[in-house]
């Protein structure tokens, strides 16, 4: 590992730290040490058991921000990995380790891009910042959203933000996420009357009662989507009822479902339409809602244009804009008025056993980030 490029060396050092959510395991201090050498002012912002920091270089606008997370998901059974998950290895041109793609590779590319850019542009215009958390893979309660609250309270506004999530599909930069669908989860409990299956006149089976309503919810067309977003989807994730005995009608049915929704419909509209369907079937129910994030979209403009031009210049490939996939911490930053995109390595192995990226891709990504900085702040 001694002959690695600076980006690969830093990525490997980060992977070697077992930073399973919300434990940062020293990753942020490693980044902070490099950033302080570049003249960044560091503000550590821990909340509960979550480590966060805000680093800024410069006091004037416009403000460009790299956002990301040092935490990773658990590795699963280590014996199923070809290489130990927290012992980074390069094998056949790939860097293996938990977090290689999601997203310690991007963090390393942030830093090395900044080191080269600031060396060439020590008096760059505007300001550069990093917003780093150890809570992206967890409950997202004490991470980026809390840091954004601090920034909003003092009216410190991000103009352009790149989130280093693994956005690419086949080669680095082929896809830029310029928005994300909203995510709304419902926890539904349908009440019935428990009893013996042989005496159906004495029971009220919540499964039987709920089934037509669930079928109607699953068949409902919530919207048609638009040029940026696919149609809103409704998916049942979990259903649970019964005691395990074959001769007892359950007294309650628990259902968990999720909407991934476009900008064509609001959270409130989804709630109202769902409850109208449940009520039309005369269900005795309780329903709790959790909004993970509203949809956001960054239209073509300075940030998107800089990203696409830089990708073309470095890789020779054109990139596509997409809003597919899950949610990211960009959903907390976009509502402040910032232009937000996600741009990172390929996502084929994220959260999987044997997570890896092409080693050369991280150096390419670092070059892309540096080129973006030069276009916006050089």
Protein backbone atom coordinates (compact mmCIF):
# COMPACT_ATOMS: atom_id res chain seq x y z
CA UNK A 1 0.00 0.00 0.00
CA UNK A 2 3.05 2.29 0.14
CA UNK A 3 2.93 3.17 -3.59
CA UNK A 4 -0.64 4.42 -3.54
CA UNK A 5 -1.69 7.80 -4.92
CA UNK A 6 -2.60 10.41 -2.29
CA UNK A 7 -6.33 9.84 -2.86
CA UNK A 8 -6.07 6.06 -2.54
CA UNK A 9 -3.83 6.34 0.50
CA UNK A 10 -6.31 8.58 2.30
CA UNK A 11 -9.27 6.41 1.27
CA UNK A 12 -7.45 3.37 2.65
CA UNK A 13 -6.67 5.13 5.93
CA UNK A 14 -10.37 5.99 6.29
CA UNK A 15 -11.56 2.48 5.42
CA UNK A 16 -9.24 1.05 8.10
CA UNK A 17 -11.25 2.92 10.76
CA UNK A 18 -14.32 0.87 11.72
CA UNK A 19 -16.76 3.78 11.70
CA UNK A 20 -20.08 1.95 11.83
CA UNK A 21 -22.95 4.41 12.45
CA UNK A 22 -22.78 6.55 14.55
CA UNK A 23 -19.16 5.87 15.54
CA UNK A 24 -16.77 8.09 13.62
CA UNK A 25 -13.73 6.08 14.83
CA UNK A 26 -11.35 9.00 14.26
CA UNK A 27 -12.13 9.55 10.58
CA UNK A 28 -13.13 13.17 11.02
CA UNK A 29 -9.99 14.10 12.93
CA UNK A 30 -7.97 12.66 10.07
CA UNK A 31 -9.84 14.93 7.65
CA UNK A 32 -9.66 17.93 9.98
CA UNK A 33 -5.88 17.63 10.25
CA UNK A 34 -5.56 17.91 6.46
CA UNK A 35 -8.07 20.76 6.24
CA UNK A 36 -6.37 22.83 8.94
CA UNK A 37 -3.18 22.69 6.91
CA UNK A 38 -5.13 24.26 4.04
CA UNK A 39 -6.32 27.17 6.14
CA UNK A 40 -9.82 25.95 6.99
CA UNK A 41 -11.48 27.06 10.21
CA UNK A 42 -12.97 24.03 11.95
CA UNK A 43 -16.18 23.96 13.97
CA UNK A 44 -16.84 20.63 15.67
CA UNK A 45 -20.58 20.13 16.20
CA UNK A 46 -21.27 16.92 18.13
CA UNK A 47 -24.90 16.14 18.95
CA UNK A 48 -25.65 13.23 21.28
CA UNK A 49 -23.50 10.32 20.03
CA UNK A 50 -23.00 11.76 16.54
CA UNK A 51 -19.83 13.50 15.35
CA UNK A 52 -20.18 16.39 12.92
CA UNK A 53 -17.97 19.20 11.73
CA UNK A 54 -18.27 22.32 9.61
CA UNK A 55 -15.06 23.54 7.99
CA UNK A 56 -14.82 26.80 6.06
CA UNK A 57 -12.10 28.62 4.15
CA UNK A 58 -12.99 32.21 3.31
CA UNK A 59 -15.65 34.62 4.49
CA UNK A 60 -17.16 35.90 1.26
CA UNK A 61 -19.70 34.45 -1.12
CA UNK A 62 -20.41 32.48 -3.12
CA UNK A 63 -20.08 29.51 -0.75
CA UNK A 64 -19.26 26.10 -2.24
CA UNK A 65 -19.68 23.06 0.00
CA UNK A 66 -18.65 19.42 -0.12
CA UNK A 67 -21.02 17.32 2.05
CA UNK A 68 -20.56 13.75 3.13
CA UNK A 69 -20.44 11.16 5.89
CA UNK A 70 -17.76 9.14 7.60
CA UNK A 71 -20.09 6.45 8.92
CA UNK A 72 -20.68 3.15 7.14
CA UNK A 73 -23.21 0.34 7.40
CA UNK A 74 -22.21 -2.87 9.22
CA UNK A 75 -20.09 -5.26 7.21
CA UNK A 76 -22.21 -8.33 7.82
CA UNK A 77 -20.39 -11.65 8.32
CA UNK A 78 -16.72 -10.85 7.83
CA UNK A 79 -16.01 -14.44 6.75
CA UNK A 80 -18.09 -13.88 3.61
CA UNK A 81 -15.73 -11.14 2.42
CA UNK A 82 -12.80 -12.04 0.16
CA UNK A 83 -10.78 -9.47 2.12
CA UNK A 84 -11.43 -8.30 5.70
CA UNK A 85 -13.94 -5.44 5.42
CA UNK A 86 -11.90 -2.97 7.48
CA UNK A 87 -8.50 -3.94 6.09
CA UNK A 88 -8.35 -2.10 2.75
CA UNK A 89 -6.89 -4.10 -0.10
CA UNK A 90 -6.26 -3.37 -3.75
CA UNK A 91 -6.84 -6.46 -5.84
CA UNK A 92 -6.99 -6.60 -9.63
CA UNK A 93 -7.31 -2.83 -9.81
CA UNK A 94 -10.14 -2.55 -7.26
CA UNK A 95 -10.03 -1.02 -3.80
CA UNK A 96 -11.92 -3.28 -1.38
CA UNK A 97 -13.33 -2.37 2.01
CA UNK A 98 -16.49 -1.20 3.73
CA UNK A 99 -17.02 2.39 2.70
CA UNK A 100 -14.84 2.27 -0.42
CA UNK A 101 -17.81 3.42 -2.49
CA UNK A 102 -20.15 4.75 0.21
CA UNK A 103 -18.50 7.11 0.80
CA UNK A 104 -14.94 7.18 2.09
CA UNK A 105 -13.61 7.19 -1.46
CA UNK A 106 -15.44 10.46 -2.10
CA UNK A 107 -14.18 11.97 1.15
CA UNK A 108 -10.61 11.23 0.12
CA UNK A 109 -11.28 12.74 -3.31
CA UNK A 110 -12.70 15.87 -1.66
CA UNK A 111 -9.50 16.42 0.31
CA UNK A 112 -6.97 15.76 -2.43
CA UNK A 113 -8.94 17.89 -4.90
CA UNK A 114 -8.93 20.72 -2.38
CA UNK A 115 -5.21 20.35 -1.74
CA UNK A 116 -4.38 20.72 -5.41
CA UNK A 117 -6.94 23.46 -6.06
CA UNK A 118 -5.81 25.63 -3.15
CA UNK A 119 -2.17 25.12 -4.11
CA UNK A 120 -2.98 26.49 -7.56
CA UNK A 121 -5.56 29.08 -6.40
CA UNK A 122 -4.55 30.21 -2.89
CA UNK A 123 -6.59 33.39 -3.33
CA UNK A 124 -9.66 31.76 -4.89
CA UNK A 125 -12.84 33.76 -4.94
CA UNK A 126 -15.70 33.05 -2.55
CA UNK A 127 -15.50 30.42 0.18
CA UNK A 128 -15.21 26.65 0.40
CA UNK A 129 -16.77 24.52 3.13
CA UNK A 130 -17.19 20.90 4.16
CA UNK A 131 -20.15 19.53 6.10
CA UNK A 132 -19.30 16.08 7.42
CA UNK A 133 -21.40 13.81 9.67
CA UNK A 134 -21.27 10.31 11.17
CA UNK A 135 -25.06 9.85 11.07
CA UNK A 136 -26.04 9.51 7.40
CA UNK A 137 -26.53 5.74 7.48
CA UNK A 138 -28.47 5.86 10.77
CA UNK A 139 -31.44 7.74 12.10
CA UNK A 140 -30.37 11.07 10.49
CA UNK A 141 -31.54 12.92 13.63
CA UNK A 142 -28.29 14.40 14.97
CA UNK A 143 -26.28 14.70 11.79
CA UNK A 144 -26.53 16.96 8.75
CA UNK A 145 -29.98 18.23 9.68
CA UNK A 146 -28.68 19.57 13.00
CA UNK A 147 -25.68 21.23 11.36
CA UNK A 148 -27.98 22.87 8.82
CA UNK A 149 -30.07 24.18 11.72
CA UNK A 150 -26.93 25.83 13.15
CA UNK A 151 -26.08 27.40 9.79
CA UNK A 152 -29.63 28.62 9.24
CA UNK A 153 -29.78 30.17 12.72
CA UNK A 154 -26.89 32.47 11.80
CA UNK A 155 -28.00 32.89 8.17
CA UNK A 156 -24.91 31.19 6.77
CA UNK A 157 -26.09 30.13 3.32
CA UNK A 158 -24.59 27.50 1.02
CA UNK A 159 -24.83 28.44 -2.66
CA UNK A 160 -23.54 25.26 -4.29
CA UNK A 161 -23.23 21.82 -2.69
CA UNK A 162 -21.83 18.53 -3.96
CA UNK A 163 -22.80 15.51 -1.89
CA UNK A 164 -20.29 12.72 -2.47
CA UNK A 165 -22.82 9.88 -2.59
CA UNK A 166 -22.03 7.13 -5.10
CA UNK A 167 -24.13 8.38 -8.02
CA UNK A 168 -22.41 6.74 -10.98
CA UNK A 169 -23.61 3.58 -12.71
CA UNK A 170 -20.97 2.25 -15.09
CA UNK A 171 -18.17 4.80 -15.08
CA UNK A 172 -17.40 7.81 -12.92
CA UNK A 173 -19.56 10.78 -13.76
CA UNK A 174 -22.00 9.04 -16.09
CA UNK A 175 -24.84 10.06 -13.76
CA UNK A 176 -25.36 13.18 -11.67
CA UNK A 177 -28.19 13.12 -9.17
CA UNK A 178 -29.72 16.57 -9.43
CA UNK A 179 -32.64 15.79 -7.15
CA UNK A 180 -34.30 13.09 -5.12
CA UNK A 181 -37.82 11.86 -4.57
CA UNK A 182 -39.51 12.48 -1.26
CA UNK A 183 -39.93 9.61 1.22
CA UNK A 184 -43.01 9.23 3.41
CA UNK A 185 -43.60 6.18 5.61
CA UNK A 186 -46.86 5.11 7.18
CA UNK A 187 -47.24 2.70 10.12
CA UNK A 188 -50.81 1.41 10.04
CA UNK A 189 -52.51 -0.67 12.73
CA UNK A 190 -55.91 -2.13 11.88
CA UNK A 191 -57.97 -3.20 14.89
CA UNK A 192 -60.13 -6.30 14.83
CA UNK A 193 -61.54 -8.76 17.35
CA UNK A 194 -59.48 -11.84 18.19
CA UNK A 195 -61.13 -15.22 18.52
CA UNK A 196 -61.40 -18.83 17.39
CA UNK A 197 -61.34 -19.41 13.63
CA UNK A 198 -64.26 -21.85 14.03
CA UNK A 199 -66.56 -19.04 15.21
CA UNK A 200 -66.24 -16.31 12.56
CA UNK A 201 -69.45 -14.62 13.72
CA UNK A 202 -67.71 -13.79 17.01
CA UNK A 203 -64.57 -12.22 15.52
CA UNK A 204 -63.57 -9.38 13.24
CA UNK A 205 -60.59 -10.36 11.12
CA UNK A 206 -58.42 -7.27 10.48
CA UNK A 207 -56.59 -9.00 7.63
CA UNK A 208 -59.80 -9.65 5.74
CA UNK A 209 -61.00 -6.13 6.39
CA UNK A 210 -57.76 -4.46 5.34
CA UNK A 211 -57.06 -6.50 2.20
CA UNK A 212 -59.44 -4.56 -0.14
CA UNK A 213 -58.09 -1.24 1.13
CA UNK A 214 -54.50 -2.35 0.59
CA UNK A 215 -55.35 -3.54 -2.90
CA UNK A 216 -56.87 -0.15 -3.67
CA UNK A 217 -53.83 1.70 -2.30
CA UNK A 218 -51.50 -0.47 -4.36
CA UNK A 219 -53.52 0.16 -7.54
CA UNK A 220 -53.92 3.91 -7.01
CA UNK A 221 -52.24 6.24 -9.51
CA UNK A 222 -50.88 9.00 -7.30
CA UNK A 223 -49.49 11.12 -10.12
CA UNK A 224 -47.92 10.78 -13.56
CA UNK A 225 -44.51 12.14 -12.59
CA UNK A 226 -42.83 14.77 -14.77
CA UNK A 227 -39.73 15.30 -16.89
CA UNK A 228 -37.50 15.03 -13.82
CA UNK A 229 -39.31 12.49 -11.63
CA UNK A 230 -40.98 9.11 -12.23
CA UNK A 231 -44.55 8.66 -10.97
CA UNK A 232 -45.00 8.44 -7.21
CA UNK A 233 -44.83 4.85 -5.96
CA UNK A 234 -46.57 3.12 -3.05
CA UNK A 235 -44.96 -0.01 -1.64
CA UNK A 236 -45.91 -2.20 1.31
CA UNK A 237 -42.75 -3.08 3.22
CA UNK A 238 -43.98 -5.13 6.19
CA UNK A 239 -47.15 -6.93 7.30
CA UNK A 240 -47.52 -8.66 10.64
CA UNK A 241 -50.48 -10.29 12.39
CA UNK A 242 -51.42 -13.35 14.37
CA UNK A 243 -50.04 -15.37 17.23
CA UNK A 244 -48.50 -18.11 15.13
CA UNK A 245 -51.33 -20.50 15.96
CA UNK A 246 -53.48 -21.68 13.01
CA UNK A 247 -56.76 -21.56 14.94
CA UNK A 248 -56.77 -17.94 16.16
CA UNK A 249 -58.07 -14.95 14.24
CA UNK A 250 -55.72 -12.05 15.04
CA UNK A 251 -56.96 -9.02 16.89
CA UNK A 252 -54.64 -6.56 15.15
CA UNK A 253 -52.81 -6.16 11.86
CA UNK A 254 -49.66 -4.04 11.54
CA UNK A 255 -48.62 -2.72 8.14
CA UNK A 256 -45.70 -0.53 7.16
CA UNK A 257 -45.71 1.17 3.77
CA UNK A 258 -43.70 3.83 1.98
CA UNK A 259 -44.25 6.48 -0.66
CA UNK A 260 -41.42 7.68 -2.88
CA UNK A 261 -43.00 10.79 -4.28
CA UNK A 262 -42.39 13.38 -6.95
CA UNK A 263 -42.88 17.11 -6.96
CA UNK A 264 -46.32 16.56 -8.51
CA UNK A 265 -47.86 15.70 -5.15
CA UNK A 266 -47.33 16.93 -1.59
CA UNK A 267 -46.89 15.04 1.64
CA UNK A 268 -50.23 16.40 2.88
CA UNK A 269 -52.04 15.25 -0.26
CA UNK A 270 -50.63 11.73 0.11
CA UNK A 271 -51.75 11.58 3.73
CA UNK A 272 -55.25 12.83 2.93
CA UNK A 273 -55.78 10.51 -0.04
CA UNK A 274 -54.50 7.49 1.90
CA UNK A 275 -56.76 8.13 4.86
CA UNK A 276 -59.73 8.71 2.56
CA UNK A 277 -59.24 5.23 1.09
CA UNK A 278 -58.88 3.64 4.53
CA UNK A 279 -62.01 5.38 5.75
CA UNK A 280 -63.99 4.35 2.67
CA UNK A 281 -63.48 0.73 3.76
CA UNK A 282 -64.76 1.49 7.28
CA UNK A 283 -61.57 0.31 8.95
CA UNK A 284 -60.92 0.76 12.66
CA UNK A 285 -57.33 1.92 12.45
CA UNK A 286 -54.50 4.07 13.78
CA UNK A 287 -51.92 5.56 11.45
CA UNK A 288 -48.58 7.23 12.23
CA UNK A 289 -46.59 9.05 9.58
CA UNK A 290 -42.86 9.72 9.25
CA UNK A 291 -41.53 12.12 6.63
CA UNK A 292 -37.90 11.33 5.82
CA UNK A 293 -37.64 14.14 3.33
CA UNK A 294 -39.47 16.13 0.68
CA UNK A 295 -38.43 15.90 -2.96
CA UNK A 296 -35.90 18.41 -4.21
CA UNK A 297 -34.61 19.38 -7.62
CA UNK A 298 -31.65 21.43 -8.81
CA UNK A 299 -32.40 22.65 -12.31
CA UNK A 300 -29.66 23.30 -14.83
CA UNK A 301 -27.55 26.25 -13.73
CA UNK A 302 -24.02 27.10 -12.56
CA UNK A 303 -23.48 23.97 -10.44
CA UNK A 304 -24.97 21.45 -12.86
CA UNK A 305 -23.21 23.10 -15.78
CA UNK A 306 -19.84 23.03 -13.96
CA UNK A 307 -20.27 19.36 -13.07
CA UNK A 308 -21.21 18.29 -16.58
CA UNK A 309 -18.44 20.33 -18.20
CA UNK A 310 -15.83 18.99 -15.77
CA UNK A 311 -16.89 15.39 -16.29
CA UNK A 312 -16.70 15.88 -20.06
CA UNK A 313 -13.26 17.47 -19.77
CA UNK A 314 -11.78 14.79 -17.48
CA UNK A 315 -13.46 11.61 -18.78
CA UNK A 316 -14.56 12.49 -22.30
CA UNK A 317 -18.06 11.28 -21.46
CA UNK A 318 -21.36 13.12 -21.24
CA UNK A 319 -23.33 12.73 -18.02
CA UNK A 320 -27.03 12.22 -17.46
CA UNK A 321 -29.16 13.95 -14.85
CA UNK A 322 -31.23 11.65 -12.66
CA UNK A 323 -33.48 11.78 -9.60
CA UNK A 324 -33.68 7.99 -9.15
CA UNK A 325 -32.63 6.05 -6.08
CA UNK A 326 -33.11 6.61 -2.38
CA UNK A 327 -32.70 9.65 -0.20
CA UNK A 328 -29.52 11.44 0.83
CA UNK A 329 -28.52 14.26 3.16
CA UNK A 330 -28.99 16.59 0.23
CA UNK A 331 -32.65 16.71 1.28
CA UNK A 332 -31.64 18.74 4.35
CA UNK A 333 -29.45 21.18 2.44
CA UNK A 334 -31.62 21.90 -0.61
CA UNK A 335 -34.49 23.55 1.34
CA UNK A 336 -32.09 26.31 2.44
CA UNK A 337 -31.96 27.52 -1.16
CA UNK A 338 -28.71 25.80 -2.15
CA UNK A 339 -28.14 24.18 -5.51
CA UNK A 340 -27.41 20.54 -4.62
CA UNK A 341 -26.17 17.60 -6.67
CA UNK A 342 -24.80 14.18 -5.82
CA UNK A 343 -21.65 13.16 -7.63
CA UNK A 344 -19.51 10.22 -6.60
CA UNK A 345 -18.15 6.82 -7.65
CA UNK A 346 -20.01 3.82 -9.01
CA UNK A 347 -22.70 2.38 -6.75
CA UNK A 348 -22.83 -1.26 -7.89
CA UNK A 349 -21.47 -2.71 -4.61
CA UNK A 350 -22.64 -0.26 -1.95
CA UNK A 351 -23.86 -1.94 1.27
CA UNK A 352 -22.86 -5.33 -0.18
CA UNK A 353 -20.31 -7.92 0.86
CA UNK A 354 -17.02 -7.17 -0.93
CA UNK A 355 -17.82 -3.49 -1.43
CA UNK A 356 -15.25 -2.02 -3.80
CA UNK A 357 -14.48 0.64 -6.38
CA UNK A 358 -12.05 0.77 -9.24
CA UNK A 359 -8.94 2.27 -7.73
CA UNK A 360 -8.36 4.55 -10.72
CA UNK A 361 -11.91 5.91 -10.41
CA UNK A 362 -11.11 7.69 -7.15
CA UNK A 363 -8.26 9.60 -8.76
CA UNK A 364 -10.56 10.47 -11.66
CA UNK A 365 -13.19 11.66 -9.20
CA UNK A 366 -10.64 13.84 -7.44
CA UNK A 367 -9.70 15.40 -10.79
CA UNK A 368 -13.37 16.08 -11.54
CA UNK A 369 -13.88 17.77 -8.17
CA UNK A 370 -10.80 19.94 -8.70
CA UNK A 371 -12.02 20.95 -12.14
CA UNK A 372 -15.44 21.89 -10.74
CA UNK A 373 -13.80 24.07 -8.09
CA UNK A 374 -11.71 25.80 -10.74
CA UNK A 375 -14.77 26.56 -12.87
CA UNK A 376 -16.80 27.94 -9.98
CA UNK A 377 -14.16 29.61 -7.78
CA UNK A 378 -10.92 29.74 -9.72
